[in-house]
C-alpha atoms as a PDB file:
ATOM      1  CA  UNK A   1       0.095   0.008   0.047  1.00  0.00           C
ATOM      2  CA  UNK A   2       1.236   3.305  -0.932  1.00  0.00           C
ATOM      3  CA  UNK A   3       0.380   5.684   1.924  1.00  0.00           C
ATOM      4  CA  UNK A   4      -0.544   8.545  -0.190  1.00  0.00           C
ATOM      5  CA  UNK A   5      -2.605   6.793  -2.811  1.00  0.00           C
ATOM      6  CA  UNK A   6      -6.655   7.716  -2.689  1.00  0.00           C
ATOM      7  CA  UNK A   7      -7.393   4.079  -4.377  1.00  0.00           C
ATOM      8  CA  UNK A   8      -4.793   2.169  -1.888  1.00  0.00           C
ATOM      9  CA  UNK A   9      -6.854   3.925   0.971  1.00  0.00           C
ATOM     10  CA  UNK A  10     -10.540   3.263  -0.706  1.00  0.00           C
ATOM     11  CA  UNK A  11      -9.210  -0.574  -0.553  1.00  0.00           C
ATOM     12  CA  UNK A  12      -8.113  -0.364   3.025  1.00  0.00           C
ATOM     13  CA  UNK A  13     -11.533   1.397   3.857  1.00  0.00           C
ATOM     14  CA  UNK A  14      -9.766   4.313   5.034  1.00  0.00           C
ATOM     15  CA  UNK A  15     -11.733   6.663   2.529  1.00  0.00           C
ATOM     16  CA  UNK A  16     -15.351   5.544   1.725  1.00  0.00           C
ATOM     17  CA  UNK A  17     -16.609   4.575  -1.577  1.00  0.00           C
ATOM     18  CA  UNK A  18     -19.817   3.131  -2.897  1.00  0.00           C
ATOM     19  CA  UNK A  19     -18.372  -0.478  -3.204  1.00  0.00           C
ATOM     20  CA  UNK A  20     -20.224  -2.974  -5.818  1.00  0.00           C
ATOM     21  CA  UNK A  21     -17.708  -5.871  -5.520  1.00  0.00           C
ATOM     22  CA  UNK A  22     -15.002  -6.556  -2.820  1.00  0.00           C
ATOM     23  CA  UNK A  23     -12.848  -9.694  -2.562  1.00  0.00           C
ATOM     24  CA  UNK A  24      -9.194 -10.203  -1.151  1.00  0.00           C
ATOM     25  CA  UNK A  25      -7.325  -9.136  -4.234  1.00  0.00           C
ATOM     26  CA  UNK A  26     -10.101  -6.742  -6.074  1.00  0.00           C
ATOM     27  CA  UNK A  27     -12.504  -3.925  -5.415  1.00  0.00           C
ATOM     28  CA  UNK A  28     -14.876  -2.132  -7.531  1.00  0.00           C
ATOM     29  CA  UNK A  29     -16.737   0.981  -6.608  1.00  0.00           C
ATOM     30  CA  UNK A  30     -18.782   3.733  -8.355  1.00  0.00           C
ATOM     31  CA  UNK A  31     -16.915   6.535  -9.888  1.00  0.00           C
ATOM     32  CA  UNK A  32     -17.711   9.751  -8.323  1.00  0.00           C
ATOM     33  CA  UNK A  33     -17.474  11.675 -11.413  1.00  0.00           C
ATOM     34  CA  UNK A  34     -19.690   9.268 -13.843  1.00  0.00           C
ATOM     35  CA  UNK A  35     -19.385   9.955 -17.383  1.00  0.00           C
ATOM     36  CA  UNK A  36     -21.835   7.108 -18.237  1.00  0.00           C
ATOM     37  CA  UNK A  37     -24.975   5.625 -16.417  1.00  0.00           C
ATOM     38  CA  UNK A  38     -22.653   2.801 -15.502  1.00  0.00           C
ATOM     39  CA  UNK A  39     -19.153   4.084 -14.476  1.00  0.00           C
ATOM     40  CA  UNK A  40     -17.375   1.597 -12.227  1.00  0.00           C
ATOM     41  CA  UNK A  41     -13.909   1.476 -11.296  1.00  0.00           C
ATOM     42  CA  UNK A  42     -12.238  -1.850 -10.625  1.00  0.00           C
ATOM     43  CA  UNK A  43      -8.660  -1.893  -8.784  1.00  0.00           C
ATOM     44  CA  UNK A  44      -6.351  -4.438  -7.263  1.00  0.00           C
ATOM     45  CA  UNK A  45      -5.142  -4.393  -3.888  1.00  0.00           C
ATOM     46  CA  UNK A  46      -1.756  -4.218  -4.954  1.00  0.00           C
ATOM     47  CA  UNK A  47      -0.373  -0.783  -5.822  1.00  0.00           C
ATOM     48  CA  UNK A  48       0.668  -0.667  -9.333  1.00  0.00           C
ATOM     49  CA  UNK A  49       1.047   2.999 -10.575  1.00  0.00           C
ATOM     50  CA  UNK A  50       0.543   2.402 -14.415  1.00  0.00           C
ATOM     51  CA  UNK A  51      -0.144  -0.128 -16.763  1.00  0.00           C
ATOM     52  CA  UNK A  52       3.391   0.477 -17.817  1.00  0.00           C
ATOM     53  CA  UNK A  53       4.322  -0.948 -14.463  1.00  0.00           C
ATOM     54  CA  UNK A  54       2.714  -4.122 -15.350  1.00  0.00           C
ATOM     55  CA  UNK A  55       4.857  -7.454 -14.866  1.00  0.00           C
ATOM     56  CA  UNK A  56       4.073 -11.075 -16.220  1.00  0.00           C
ATOM     57  CA  UNK A  57       3.219 -12.059 -12.716  1.00  0.00           C
ATOM     58  CA  UNK A  58       0.467  -9.523 -12.445  1.00  0.00           C
ATOM     59  CA  UNK A  59      -1.283 -11.677 -15.370  1.00  0.00           C
ATOM     60  CA  UNK A  60      -3.951 -13.458 -12.965  1.00  0.00           C
ATOM     61  CA  UNK A  61      -4.579 -10.290 -11.206  1.00  0.00           C
ATOM     62  CA  UNK A  62      -5.258  -8.693 -14.462  1.00  0.00           C
ATOM     63  CA  UNK A  63      -7.805 -11.284 -15.588  1.00  0.00           C
ATOM     64  CA  UNK A  64      -9.544 -11.055 -12.339  1.00  0.00           C
ATOM     65  CA  UNK A  65     -10.013  -7.351 -13.062  1.00  0.00           C
ATOM     66  CA  UNK A  66     -11.615  -8.151 -16.302  1.00  0.00           C
ATOM     67  CA  UNK A  67     -13.776 -11.097 -14.779  1.00  0.00           C
ATOM     68  CA  UNK A  68     -14.956  -8.554 -11.986  1.00  0.00           C
ATOM     69  CA  UNK A  69     -15.820  -5.832 -14.837  1.00  0.00           C
ATOM     70  CA  UNK A  70     -17.543  -8.605 -16.968  1.00  0.00           C
ATOM     71  CA  UNK A  71     -19.794  -9.760 -13.882  1.00  0.00           C
ATOM     72  CA  UNK A  72     -20.719  -6.368 -12.768  1.00  0.00           C
ATOM     73  CA  UNK A  73     -21.701  -5.676 -16.537  1.00  0.00           C
ATOM     74  CA  UNK A  74     -23.778  -8.801 -16.511  1.00  0.00           C
ATOM     75  CA  UNK A  75     -25.370  -7.563 -13.258  1.00  0.00           C
ATOM     76  CA  UNK A  76     -26.404  -4.348 -14.543  1.00  0.00           C
ATOM     77  CA  UNK A  77     -27.492  -5.631 -17.840  1.00  0.00           C
ATOM     78  CA  UNK A  78     -25.420  -3.568 -19.995  1.00  0.00           C
ATOM     79  CA  UNK A  79     -23.641  -6.837 -21.765  1.00  0.00           C
ATOM     80  CA  UNK A  80     -26.257  -7.234 -24.336  1.00  0.00           C
ATOM     81  CA  UNK A  81     -25.690  -3.617 -25.640  1.00  0.00           C
ATOM     82  CA  UNK A  82     -22.410  -3.271 -25.029  1.00  0.00           C
ATOM     83  CA  UNK A  83     -19.829  -1.457 -22.780  1.00  0.00           C
ATOM     84  CA  UNK A  84     -16.482  -0.164 -22.739  1.00  0.00           C
ATOM     85  CA  UNK A  85     -13.451  -1.199 -20.698  1.00  0.00           C
ATOM     86  CA  UNK A  86     -10.429   1.429 -20.551  1.00  0.00           C
ATOM     87  CA  UNK A  87      -7.166   1.987 -18.741  1.00  0.00           C
ATOM     88  CA  UNK A  88      -5.436   5.184 -18.791  1.00  0.00           C
ATOM     89  CA  UNK A  89      -1.720   5.581 -18.687  1.00  0.00           C
ATOM     90  CA  UNK A  90      -0.506   9.361 -17.831  1.00  0.00           C
ATOM     91  CA  UNK A  91      -2.012  12.758 -17.899  1.00  0.00           C
ATOM     92  CA  UNK A  92      -2.733  13.443 -21.713  1.00  0.00           C
ATOM     93  CA  UNK A  93      -4.763   9.975 -21.500  1.00  0.00           C
ATOM     94  CA  UNK A  94      -6.556  11.243 -18.356  1.00  0.00           C
ATOM     95  CA  UNK A  95      -4.956   9.294 -15.592  1.00  0.00           C
ATOM     96  CA  UNK A  96      -5.284  11.265 -12.313  1.00  0.00           C
ATOM     97  CA  UNK A  97      -4.832   8.799  -9.881  1.00  0.00           C
ATOM     98  CA  UNK A  98      -1.529   6.647 -10.223  1.00  0.00           C
ATOM     99  CA  UNK A  99      -3.127   3.274  -9.041  1.00  0.00           C
ATOM    100  CA  UNK A 100      -3.922   0.814 -11.871  1.00  0.00           C
ATOM    101  CA  UNK A 101      -7.662   0.890 -12.495  1.00  0.00           C
ATOM    102  CA  UNK A 102     -10.262  -0.534 -15.137  1.00  0.00           C
ATOM    103  CA  UNK A 103     -13.035   1.802 -15.920  1.00  0.00           C
ATOM    104  CA  UNK A 104     -16.223  -0.022 -16.738  1.00  0.00           C
ATOM    105  CA  UNK A 105     -18.462   2.358 -18.786  1.00  0.00           C
ATOM    106  CA  UNK A 106     -22.223   1.463 -20.155  1.00  0.00           C
ATOM    107  CA  UNK A 107     -25.576   2.206 -20.469  1.00  0.00           C
ATOM    108  CA  UNK A 108     -25.186   4.637 -23.392  1.00  0.00           C
ATOM    109  CA  UNK A 109     -23.695   4.878 -26.912  1.00  0.00           C
ATOM    110  CA  UNK A 110     -19.982   5.493 -26.859  1.00  0.00           C
ATOM    111  CA  UNK A 111     -18.478   7.728 -29.361  1.00  0.00           C
ATOM    112  CA  UNK A 112     -15.158   6.575 -31.483  1.00  0.00           C
ATOM    113  CA  UNK A 113     -12.702   7.976 -31.497  1.00  0.00           C
ATOM    114  CA  UNK A 114     -12.846   8.173 -27.502  1.00  0.00           C
ATOM    115  CA  UNK A 115     -11.523  11.620 -26.287  1.00  0.00           C
END
């Protein structure tokens, strides 16, 4: 845990969040500034600053993040019409919290290209 990391503090329940999933490795919660009817963040317990910091050993954890996002999409019934899964890296991509996180976005049509 990085002591100054917002998401590490959410995982440790030091900062409240509207959780929609939790296990020993992953937590998912509602984004405080949603850009879609469904906007959930899926984060690992391990503090990994960006996707650029992923290692081969992180593969099972990364798969678990996607499985959790898919499960939430199924529960919210956005799987039929589609949803977007996004990871940003760095300020130009929109990353504001430097703890790996997956955005689950759905419930409306998405534009392409994004941004």
